């Protein structure tokens, strides 16, 4: 069979699993496609397509235009960029992989520490011949606001408490019982949470209901010297509201790991904002789930899923 590995931006996939064990022809696409037509043209020969979750979209128009397609394997156990109904209608199986549950919370904490202690600007100061600049901020005794107290949000709440932070949370369906389980306070509203947070972080699934959840009013409610973090999805926040908040409050800081368009174009507004706000805006290239252990799990499970499909017993069907 002919296998296409898409979205391997770091060109790491082949070294993460025993692809040779499949005995198939493998082609790696390490650059993003410019448009849907290019996806369809490039993938015409392939029976199996391996996707990195939520990178290359796979709507019905793509699935129905690939005559040889028999199997889609996506990293993770969910990929909203795949039209699974269209795949099933075509008789195309869709399988997932396992995932690791701690990588995004680790990155969120790293970004919070980096901004609060001014680690990057101070390291740069030293590299360019200087020494100490303005002092950073302790996290102990500060207030941490968590939007979304699911798996990742719960981990962040626990990390904040270990650092001595006062933790509160809010989400549309958050209950007092869930907050009690995590030992945090439930805020009355999102703006109430923002008003009481020295650091505010969002951990929600992007949906029609949550899109644009963090509005300009939420940013305006944040106190002086607040830090805002988004390692979830770009569509959850009002980008211009964030930029205007950073303009209005010269003490405000933000850490952003997710963008509307990825990879981030050279002329993207986020790049211009980074130039405008300097060290107060920390941008990272969607590293939330990008770790060696995660990649090995993703691709080893992908190889396993392909082998299982070829044997007639597909696994982890979505």
Protein backbone atom coordinates (compact mmCIF):
# COMPACT_ATOMS: atom_id res chain seq x y z
CA UNK A 1 0.00 0.00 0.00
CA UNK A 2 1.00 3.64 -0.43
CA UNK A 3 1.07 5.68 2.76
CA UNK A 4 1.13 9.48 3.00
CA UNK A 5 2.33 11.11 6.23
CA UNK A 6 1.06 14.69 6.31
CA UNK A 7 1.90 17.68 8.48
CA UNK A 8 5.36 16.48 9.55
CA UNK A 9 6.58 20.05 9.92
CA UNK A 10 9.61 19.08 11.99
CA UNK A 11 10.48 16.12 9.74
CA UNK A 12 10.47 13.81 12.76
CA UNK A 13 7.87 11.16 11.89
CA UNK A 14 10.09 8.55 10.27
CA UNK A 15 12.45 8.47 13.25
CA UNK A 16 9.68 8.02 15.81
CA UNK A 17 8.36 4.57 14.84
CA UNK A 18 9.22 1.41 12.90
CA UNK A 19 7.58 2.31 9.61
CA UNK A 20 9.74 -0.24 7.78
CA UNK A 21 7.86 -3.02 9.57
CA UNK A 22 4.83 -2.24 7.41
CA UNK A 23 6.65 -3.03 4.17
CA UNK A 24 4.79 -0.26 2.37
CA UNK A 25 5.70 2.71 0.21
CA UNK A 26 5.81 5.82 2.41
CA UNK A 27 5.86 9.46 1.37
CA UNK A 28 6.27 12.29 3.88
CA UNK A 29 4.77 15.75 3.32
CA UNK A 30 6.64 18.15 5.61
CA UNK A 31 5.19 21.39 4.23
CA UNK A 32 1.59 22.54 4.61
CA UNK A 33 -0.56 22.51 1.50
CA UNK A 34 -1.48 25.88 0.04
CA UNK A 35 -5.12 24.97 -0.56
CA UNK A 36 -7.61 22.12 -0.80
CA UNK A 37 -6.94 21.56 -4.49
CA UNK A 38 -3.29 20.88 -3.74
CA UNK A 39 -4.27 18.34 -1.07
CA UNK A 40 -6.48 16.48 -3.52
CA UNK A 41 -3.88 16.50 -6.29
CA UNK A 42 -1.03 15.33 -4.06
CA UNK A 43 -2.94 12.49 -2.39
CA UNK A 44 -4.51 10.86 -5.45
CA UNK A 45 -2.30 7.73 -5.35
CA UNK A 46 -2.49 6.97 -1.65
CA UNK A 47 -4.56 4.30 0.10
CA UNK A 48 -3.59 5.42 3.62
CA UNK A 49 -3.27 8.99 4.90
CA UNK A 50 -1.73 9.81 8.28
CA UNK A 51 -2.72 13.18 9.75
CA UNK A 52 -1.48 15.30 12.62
CA UNK A 53 -4.60 16.36 14.46
CA UNK A 54 -6.22 19.60 13.31
CA UNK A 55 -3.53 20.59 10.84
CA UNK A 56 -4.61 19.65 7.30
CA UNK A 57 -8.43 19.74 7.06
CA UNK A 58 -10.08 16.61 5.66
CA UNK A 59 -13.64 17.60 4.76
CA UNK A 60 -16.00 15.59 2.57
CA UNK A 61 -14.77 17.36 -0.55
CA UNK A 62 -11.27 15.98 -0.02
CA UNK A 63 -12.34 12.49 1.08
CA UNK A 64 -14.68 12.06 -1.90
CA UNK A 65 -12.00 13.21 -4.34
CA UNK A 66 -9.47 10.53 -3.36
CA UNK A 67 -10.43 7.34 -5.24
CA UNK A 68 -7.82 5.09 -3.63
CA UNK A 69 -8.33 6.18 -0.01
CA UNK A 70 -9.07 3.32 2.39
CA UNK A 71 -7.76 4.45 5.78
CA UNK A 72 -7.19 7.72 7.64
CA UNK A 73 -5.13 7.63 10.83
CA UNK A 74 -5.04 10.78 12.92
CA UNK A 75 -2.88 11.46 15.93
CA UNK A 76 -4.95 11.81 19.08
CA UNK A 77 -8.40 10.40 19.78
CA UNK A 78 -10.26 13.30 18.20
CA UNK A 79 -9.74 15.40 15.10
CA UNK A 80 -12.45 17.93 14.33
CA UNK A 81 -10.79 18.65 10.97
CA UNK A 82 -11.92 15.25 9.61
CA UNK A 83 -15.45 14.70 8.32
CA UNK A 84 -15.80 11.23 9.81
CA UNK A 85 -19.36 10.88 8.52
CA UNK A 86 -18.19 11.43 4.96
CA UNK A 87 -15.42 8.91 5.49
CA UNK A 88 -17.84 6.28 6.78
CA UNK A 89 -20.16 6.93 3.84
CA UNK A 90 -17.24 6.21 1.51
CA UNK A 91 -16.24 3.09 3.42
CA UNK A 92 -13.04 4.74 4.63
CA UNK A 93 -11.98 3.77 8.13
CA UNK A 94 -10.79 6.51 10.51
CA UNK A 95 -8.54 5.54 13.40
CA UNK A 96 -6.89 7.55 16.17
CA UNK A 97 -4.02 7.16 18.58
CA UNK A 98 -3.50 7.57 22.26
CA UNK A 99 -2.20 10.86 23.63
CA UNK A 100 -0.33 12.18 26.61
CA UNK A 101 -2.28 14.32 29.08
CA UNK A 102 0.38 16.52 30.69
CA UNK A 103 2.22 18.25 27.86
CA UNK A 104 -0.04 21.30 27.48
CA UNK A 105 -0.23 22.02 31.19
CA UNK A 106 3.57 21.80 31.43
CA UNK A 107 3.96 24.35 28.64
CA UNK A 108 1.36 26.64 30.21
CA UNK A 109 3.27 26.66 33.48
CA UNK A 110 6.55 27.25 31.63
CA UNK A 111 5.06 30.28 29.85
CA UNK A 112 3.66 31.65 33.10
CA UNK A 113 7.01 31.33 34.84
CA UNK A 114 8.88 32.75 31.86
CA UNK A 115 6.71 35.86 31.75
CA UNK A 116 6.40 36.46 35.48
CA UNK A 117 10.14 36.10 36.12
CA UNK A 118 11.14 37.81 32.84
CA UNK A 119 13.36 34.84 31.95
CA UNK A 120 13.72 35.46 28.21
CA UNK A 121 14.50 39.20 28.37
CA UNK A 122 16.91 38.65 31.24
CA UNK A 123 18.68 35.82 29.39
CA UNK A 124 18.92 38.07 26.34
CA UNK A 125 20.29 40.89 28.50
CA UNK A 126 23.03 38.58 29.74
CA UNK A 127 23.80 37.29 26.25
CA UNK A 128 24.28 40.83 24.98
CA UNK A 129 26.73 41.75 27.72
CA UNK A 130 24.46 43.12 30.43
CA UNK A 131 23.30 41.73 33.73
CA UNK A 132 20.17 42.11 35.88
CA UNK A 133 17.25 44.26 34.77
CA UNK A 134 13.92 44.94 36.45
CA UNK A 135 12.87 42.30 39.01
CA UNK A 136 10.35 39.68 38.05
CA UNK A 137 7.25 38.72 40.01
CA UNK A 138 6.72 35.89 42.49
CA UNK A 139 3.81 33.58 41.72
CA UNK A 140 3.28 32.68 45.37
CA UNK A 141 0.31 34.63 46.80
CA UNK A 142 -0.83 35.76 43.34
CA UNK A 143 -4.29 34.87 42.04
CA UNK A 144 -4.65 32.32 39.23
CA UNK A 145 -7.83 32.22 37.16
CA UNK A 146 -8.56 29.07 35.16
CA UNK A 147 -11.15 29.13 32.37
CA UNK A 148 -12.22 25.51 32.02
CA UNK A 149 -11.59 23.01 34.79
CA UNK A 150 -11.31 19.86 32.71
CA UNK A 151 -8.28 17.60 32.51
CA UNK A 152 -5.75 20.29 31.57
CA UNK A 153 -7.41 23.05 33.57
CA UNK A 154 -7.44 20.78 36.62
CA UNK A 155 -3.72 20.13 36.22
CA UNK A 156 -3.03 23.86 35.97
CA UNK A 157 -5.10 24.50 39.09
CA UNK A 158 -3.07 21.89 40.98
CA UNK A 159 0.21 23.40 39.76
CA UNK A 160 -0.89 26.85 40.80
CA UNK A 161 -1.78 25.66 44.28
CA UNK A 162 1.60 23.93 44.64
CA UNK A 163 3.23 27.27 43.86
CA UNK A 164 1.20 28.98 46.55
CA UNK A 165 -1.28 30.71 44.25
CA UNK A 166 -4.89 31.40 45.12
CA UNK A 167 -6.89 29.58 42.42
CA UNK A 168 -10.36 30.32 41.09
CA UNK A 169 -12.12 28.92 38.04
CA UNK A 170 -15.07 29.47 35.72
CA UNK A 171 -16.68 27.84 32.72
CA UNK A 172 -20.26 27.87 31.43
CA UNK A 173 -21.16 24.56 33.10
CA UNK A 174 -18.77 24.54 36.03
CA UNK A 175 -20.28 23.30 39.29
CA UNK A 176 -19.43 23.92 42.93
CA UNK A 177 -18.84 20.18 43.27
CA UNK A 178 -16.19 20.18 40.54
CA UNK A 179 -14.47 23.16 42.15
CA UNK A 180 -14.55 21.44 45.53
CA UNK A 181 -12.84 18.39 44.00
CA UNK A 182 -9.94 20.63 42.96
CA UNK A 183 -9.98 22.86 46.02
CA UNK A 184 -10.63 26.04 44.03
CA UNK A 185 -13.18 28.85 44.19
CA UNK A 186 -15.90 29.15 41.53
CA UNK A 187 -16.18 32.64 40.06
CA UNK A 188 -19.62 34.07 39.37
CA UNK A 189 -18.80 34.97 35.75
CA UNK A 190 -15.89 35.17 33.36
CA UNK A 191 -15.44 38.89 33.90
CA UNK A 192 -15.56 38.29 37.65
CA UNK A 193 -12.82 35.68 37.25
CA UNK A 194 -10.72 38.09 35.19
CA UNK A 195 -11.12 40.88 37.74
CA UNK A 196 -9.73 38.65 40.50
CA UNK A 197 -6.88 37.08 38.47
CA UNK A 198 -3.24 38.13 38.33
CA UNK A 199 -2.83 35.36 35.77
CA UNK A 200 -5.68 34.13 33.58
CA UNK A 201 -5.40 30.96 31.48
CA UNK A 202 -7.93 29.30 29.20
CA UNK A 203 -8.37 25.55 28.71
CA UNK A 204 -11.53 24.98 26.68
CA UNK A 205 -12.48 23.03 23.57
CA UNK A 206 -13.21 25.33 20.62
CA UNK A 207 -16.84 25.07 19.53
CA UNK A 208 -19.56 27.35 18.21
CA UNK A 209 -20.49 28.06 21.81
CA UNK A 210 -16.96 28.85 23.04
CA UNK A 211 -15.69 30.76 20.00
CA UNK A 212 -14.71 34.30 21.01
CA UNK A 213 -15.39 33.50 24.67
CA UNK A 214 -12.65 35.80 25.97
CA UNK A 215 -13.96 39.17 24.80
CA UNK A 216 -12.51 42.66 25.08
CA UNK A 217 -14.60 43.11 28.24
CA UNK A 218 -12.77 40.19 29.85
CA UNK A 219 -9.40 41.71 28.99
CA UNK A 220 -10.50 45.10 30.27
CA UNK A 221 -11.47 43.52 33.62
CA UNK A 222 -7.95 42.19 34.27
CA UNK A 223 -5.95 44.04 36.93
CA UNK A 224 -2.63 45.80 36.37
CA UNK A 225 0.37 43.52 35.73
CA UNK A 226 -1.89 40.63 34.75
CA UNK A 227 -0.71 37.78 32.53
CA UNK A 228 -3.03 36.12 30.01
CA UNK A 229 -2.24 32.66 28.57
CA UNK A 230 -3.76 30.73 25.68
CA UNK A 231 -2.43 27.25 24.94
CA UNK A 232 -5.83 25.93 23.78
CA UNK A 233 -7.18 27.34 20.51
CA UNK A 234 -6.85 30.76 18.88
CA UNK A 235 -10.56 31.07 18.18
CA UNK A 236 -11.39 31.19 21.88
CA UNK A 237 -10.25 34.78 22.24
CA UNK A 238 -10.87 38.21 20.72
CA UNK A 239 -7.43 38.88 19.24
CA UNK A 240 -7.97 42.62 18.79
CA UNK A 241 -9.29 42.82 22.33
CA UNK A 242 -6.03 41.27 23.52
CA UNK A 243 -3.94 43.67 21.45
CA UNK A 244 -5.88 46.70 22.71
CA UNK A 245 -5.47 45.52 26.31
CA UNK A 246 -1.70 45.27 25.82
CA UNK A 247 -1.70 48.78 24.31
CA UNK A 248 -3.77 50.26 27.11
CA UNK A 249 -1.88 48.63 30.00
CA UNK A 250 1.90 48.86 29.68
CA UNK A 251 2.25 46.32 32.54
CA UNK A 252 0.11 43.64 30.88
CA UNK A 253 1.67 40.47 29.45
CA UNK A 254 0.46 37.54 27.38
CA UNK A 255 1.70 34.11 26.32
CA UNK A 256 0.19 32.62 23.16
CA UNK A 257 0.87 29.16 21.73
CA UNK A 258 -1.99 28.84 19.21
CA UNK A 259 -2.87 30.85 16.12
CA UNK A 260 -5.65 31.23 13.58
CA UNK A 261 -3.32 30.14 10.76
CA UNK A 262 -0.56 27.61 11.34
CA UNK A 263 2.29 27.61 10.51
CA UNK A 264 2.24 31.32 11.26
CA UNK A 265 2.64 33.39 8.05
CA UNK A 266 5.42 35.95 7.93
CA UNK A 267 2.90 38.78 7.51
CA UNK A 268 0.51 37.59 10.23
CA UNK A 269 -0.82 40.19 12.70
CA UNK A 270 0.62 38.15 15.56
CA UNK A 271 4.14 38.75 14.26
CA UNK A 272 3.47 42.47 14.00
CA UNK A 273 2.08 42.44 17.53
CA UNK A 274 5.19 40.70 18.84
CA UNK A 275 7.28 43.49 17.33
CA UNK A 276 4.95 46.08 18.86
CA UNK A 277 4.78 44.63 22.39
CA UNK A 278 8.24 43.08 22.62
CA UNK A 279 8.95 41.03 25.73
CA UNK A 280 5.40 41.49 27.02
CA UNK A 281 4.06 39.13 24.32
CA UNK A 282 5.54 35.63 24.33
CA UNK A 283 4.70 33.64 21.19
CA UNK A 284 5.54 29.94 20.82
CA UNK A 285 4.88 27.78 17.72
CA UNK A 286 2.07 25.55 19.06
CA UNK A 287 4.31 23.52 21.35
CA UNK A 288 1.54 22.42 23.70
CA UNK A 289 1.58 18.83 22.47
CA UNK A 290 4.98 18.83 20.77
CA UNK A 291 7.26 16.63 22.86
CA UNK A 292 9.46 13.66 22.02
CA UNK A 293 7.41 11.24 24.11
CA UNK A 294 4.15 12.44 22.56
CA UNK A 295 5.47 12.15 19.01
CA UNK A 296 6.73 8.62 19.66
CA UNK A 297 3.37 7.59 21.06
CA UNK A 298 1.51 9.21 18.16
CA UNK A 299 3.56 7.60 15.42
CA UNK A 300 4.02 4.20 17.05
CA UNK A 301 0.26 4.01 17.50
CA UNK A 302 -0.16 5.12 13.89
CA UNK A 303 2.02 2.26 12.66
CA UNK A 304 0.11 -0.12 14.92
CA UNK A 305 -3.22 1.14 13.53
CA UNK A 306 -2.07 0.63 9.94
CA UNK A 307 -0.87 -2.91 10.70
CA UNK A 308 -4.16 -3.72 12.39
CA UNK A 309 -6.14 -2.37 9.44
CA UNK A 310 -4.09 -4.44 6.99
CA UNK A 311 -4.80 -7.54 9.08
CA UNK A 312 -8.55 -6.86 8.90
CA UNK A 313 -9.01 -5.80 12.51
CA UNK A 314 -8.84 -1.98 12.71
CA UNK A 315 -8.29 -0.46 16.15
CA UNK A 316 -9.18 2.82 17.90
CA UNK A 317 -11.90 3.61 15.37
CA UNK A 318 -13.31 7.16 15.54
